[in-house]
Protein backbone atom coordinates (compact mmCIF):
# COMPACT_ATOMS: atom_id res chain seq x y z
CA UNK A 1 258.20 69.84 102.65
CA UNK A 2 254.45 69.39 103.09
CA UNK A 3 254.11 66.32 100.96
CA UNK A 4 256.47 64.01 102.78
CA UNK A 5 254.41 60.96 103.89
CA UNK A 6 254.55 59.84 107.49
CA UNK A 7 256.79 56.90 108.27
CA UNK A 8 254.93 53.60 108.37
CA UNK A 9 255.95 52.93 111.99
CA UNK A 10 254.26 56.05 113.34
CA UNK A 11 250.85 56.23 114.96
CA UNK A 12 247.82 55.13 112.97
CA UNK A 13 246.53 57.65 110.43
CA UNK A 14 244.16 60.26 111.77
CA UNK A 15 240.58 60.21 110.58
CA UNK A 16 239.44 63.14 108.51
CA UNK A 17 236.73 63.88 111.07
CA UNK A 18 239.25 64.19 113.93
CA UNK A 19 241.52 66.32 111.75
CA UNK A 20 238.62 68.59 110.78
CA UNK A 21 237.43 69.10 114.37
CA UNK A 22 240.97 69.90 115.54
CA UNK A 23 242.00 72.24 112.72
CA UNK A 24 238.77 73.96 111.65
CA UNK A 25 238.76 76.87 114.17
CA UNK A 26 242.35 77.89 113.42
CA UNK A 27 241.87 77.58 109.66
CA UNK A 28 238.75 79.76 109.79
CA UNK A 29 240.74 82.29 111.83
CA UNK A 30 243.44 82.38 109.17
CA UNK A 31 240.84 82.75 106.41
CA UNK A 32 239.18 85.56 108.35
CA UNK A 33 242.48 87.41 108.73
CA UNK A 34 243.08 87.12 105.00
CA UNK A 35 239.53 87.84 103.81
CA UNK A 36 238.09 90.20 106.42
CA UNK A 37 234.73 88.44 106.18
CA UNK A 38 233.41 85.88 108.65
CA UNK A 39 231.18 84.25 106.04
CA UNK A 40 233.87 84.41 103.40
CA UNK A 41 236.31 82.85 105.87
CA UNK A 42 233.96 79.97 106.56
CA UNK A 43 233.49 79.43 102.82
CA UNK A 44 237.26 79.44 102.21
CA UNK A 45 237.85 77.01 105.07
CA UNK A 46 235.07 74.68 103.92
CA UNK A 47 236.43 74.67 100.38
CA UNK A 48 239.93 73.83 101.63
CA UNK A 49 238.66 71.04 103.89
CA UNK A 50 236.51 69.67 101.07
CA UNK A 51 239.61 69.47 98.88
CA UNK A 52 241.43 67.63 101.69
CA UNK A 53 238.48 65.27 102.21
CA UNK A 54 238.33 64.38 98.50
CA UNK A 55 241.91 63.13 98.66
CA UNK A 56 242.23 62.32 102.38
CA UNK A 57 244.11 59.08 101.76
CA UNK A 58 247.00 61.12 100.30
CA UNK A 59 246.60 64.34 102.35
CA UNK A 60 246.16 62.44 105.63
CA UNK A 61 249.48 60.72 105.01
CA UNK A 62 251.35 64.03 104.90
CA UNK A 63 253.53 64.89 107.82
CA UNK A 64 251.51 68.11 108.34
CA UNK A 65 248.09 67.90 106.68
CA UNK A 66 247.11 71.10 108.53
CA UNK A 67 249.82 72.98 106.67
CA UNK A 68 248.42 71.71 103.37
CA UNK A 69 244.92 72.97 104.24
CA UNK A 70 246.32 76.36 105.30
CA UNK A 71 248.19 76.66 102.00
CA UNK A 72 244.95 75.93 100.15
CA UNK A 73 243.19 78.66 102.19
CA UNK A 74 246.01 81.11 101.46
CA UNK A 75 245.77 80.40 97.74
CA UNK A 76 241.96 80.49 97.72
CA UNK A 77 242.01 83.83 99.54
CA UNK A 78 244.00 85.34 96.68
CA UNK A 79 241.50 84.00 94.14
CA UNK A 80 238.58 85.24 96.24
CA UNK A 81 240.18 88.67 96.57
CA UNK A 82 240.62 88.93 92.83
CA UNK A 83 237.05 87.79 92.21
CA UNK A 84 235.66 90.23 94.79
CA UNK A 85 237.74 93.07 93.35
CA UNK A 86 236.35 92.40 89.89
CA UNK A 87 232.82 92.22 91.28
CA UNK A 88 233.29 95.45 93.21
CA UNK A 89 234.51 97.23 90.08
CA UNK A 90 231.50 96.02 88.14
CA UNK A 91 229.12 97.11 90.90
CA UNK A 92 230.81 100.49 91.11
CA UNK A 93 230.33 100.96 87.37
CA UNK A 94 226.67 99.99 87.73
CA UNK A 95 226.20 102.45 90.57
CA UNK A 96 227.49 105.34 88.42
CA UNK A 97 230.95 105.19 89.91
CA UNK A 98 229.69 105.53 93.46
CA UNK A 99 232.01 103.82 95.94
CA UNK A 100 230.51 100.70 97.48
CA UNK A 101 230.60 101.07 101.28
CA UNK A 102 232.06 98.08 103.08
CA UNK A 103 231.07 97.11 106.61
CA UNK A 104 233.61 97.48 109.42
CA UNK A 105 235.33 94.37 110.66
CA UNK A 106 234.27 93.05 114.02
CA UNK A 107 237.89 92.17 114.81
CA UNK A 108 239.76 93.77 117.67
CA UNK A 109 241.79 95.99 115.35
CA UNK A 110 240.10 96.43 111.97
CA UNK A 111 242.57 99.10 110.83
CA UNK A 112 245.47 96.72 111.32
CA UNK A 113 243.84 93.87 109.40
CA UNK A 114 242.73 96.22 106.65
CA UNK A 115 246.36 97.34 106.32
CA UNK A 116 247.47 93.69 106.28
CA UNK A 117 245.07 92.88 103.45
CA UNK A 118 246.51 95.81 101.48
CA UNK A 119 249.98 94.25 101.55
CA UNK A 120 251.27 92.09 98.72
CA UNK A 121 249.59 88.69 99.06
CA UNK A 122 252.61 86.73 100.34
CA UNK A 123 253.37 89.40 102.96
CA UNK A 124 249.71 89.34 104.08
CA UNK A 125 249.77 85.56 104.32
CA UNK A 126 253.00 85.58 106.35
CA UNK A 127 251.64 88.24 108.74
CA UNK A 128 248.35 86.40 109.22
CA UNK A 129 250.02 83.08 109.96
CA UNK A 130 252.73 84.59 112.15
CA UNK A 131 250.63 87.03 114.20
CA UNK A 132 247.11 85.59 114.11
CA UNK A 133 248.06 81.96 114.58
CA UNK A 134 251.31 82.67 116.44
CA UNK A 135 253.13 80.21 114.21
CA UNK A 136 256.93 79.95 114.20
CA UNK A 137 258.83 80.99 111.08
CA UNK A 138 259.49 77.36 110.14
CA UNK A 139 255.77 76.50 110.22
CA UNK A 140 254.89 79.55 108.14
CA UNK A 141 257.53 78.50 105.63
CA UNK A 142 256.15 74.98 105.49
CA UNK A 143 252.58 76.16 105.00
CA UNK A 144 253.48 78.65 102.27
CA UNK A 145 256.25 76.51 100.76
CA UNK A 146 258.96 79.11 101.45
CA UNK A 147 262.37 78.98 103.04
CA UNK A 148 262.61 80.48 106.53
CA UNK A 149 264.74 83.30 105.09
CA UNK A 150 262.02 84.19 102.60
CA UNK A 151 259.40 84.16 105.36
CA UNK A 152 261.59 86.47 107.46
CA UNK A 153 262.04 88.83 104.52
CA UNK A 154 258.29 89.00 103.85
CA UNK A 155 257.65 89.59 107.56
CA UNK A 156 260.31 92.32 107.69
CA UNK A 157 258.95 94.08 104.60
CA UNK A 158 255.38 93.77 105.87
CA UNK A 159 256.28 95.23 109.29
CA UNK A 160 258.01 98.20 107.69
CA UNK A 161 255.04 98.88 105.42
CA UNK A 162 252.49 98.41 108.23
CA UNK A 163 254.44 100.67 110.58
CA UNK A 164 254.51 103.38 107.94
CA UNK A 165 250.84 103.00 107.01
CA UNK A 166 249.63 102.81 110.61
CA UNK A 167 252.08 105.49 111.72
CA UNK A 168 253.58 103.42 114.53
CA UNK A 169 257.14 102.45 115.43
CA UNK A 170 258.25 99.14 113.95
CA UNK A 171 259.01 97.90 117.46
CA UNK A 172 255.25 97.89 118.16
CA UNK A 173 254.92 95.13 115.57
CA UNK A 174 257.77 93.03 116.97
CA UNK A 175 256.71 89.58 118.26
């Protein structure tokens, strides 16, 4: 879905610089929702855009290069989470099993986003794209390379889990 080149008769290809300026704020927002760290989000976004820049001739020809960058951020966030989890475990062992305190998020609802990050990774990615970026199911599916039915199932499962964990009615989480 993502990798379908644009038809040759369409508008001229977009420059990487224009693409970057247009997409960067939203991609950082997605990375922040998935990572919980402003600086980590900026690093994830920069890494994804660097990957796009390295192969812009191919990526820029995609029908939705922004979806490709978002998929890279989603995948990088999983790798970063795993790396940070391993680092946290090592630090905890070094600190004689003392829990490492984490700073509160500056987001409007840190408890919600903390609960989102505790979901299985695909559910967290679907929730972040759907609620944070207000993307339609089809776009979320394109970005994450899922069918719309799979996206809906992940969203449904995530809403049930979040409602239970946050002790709210599922209807509160309805779009």
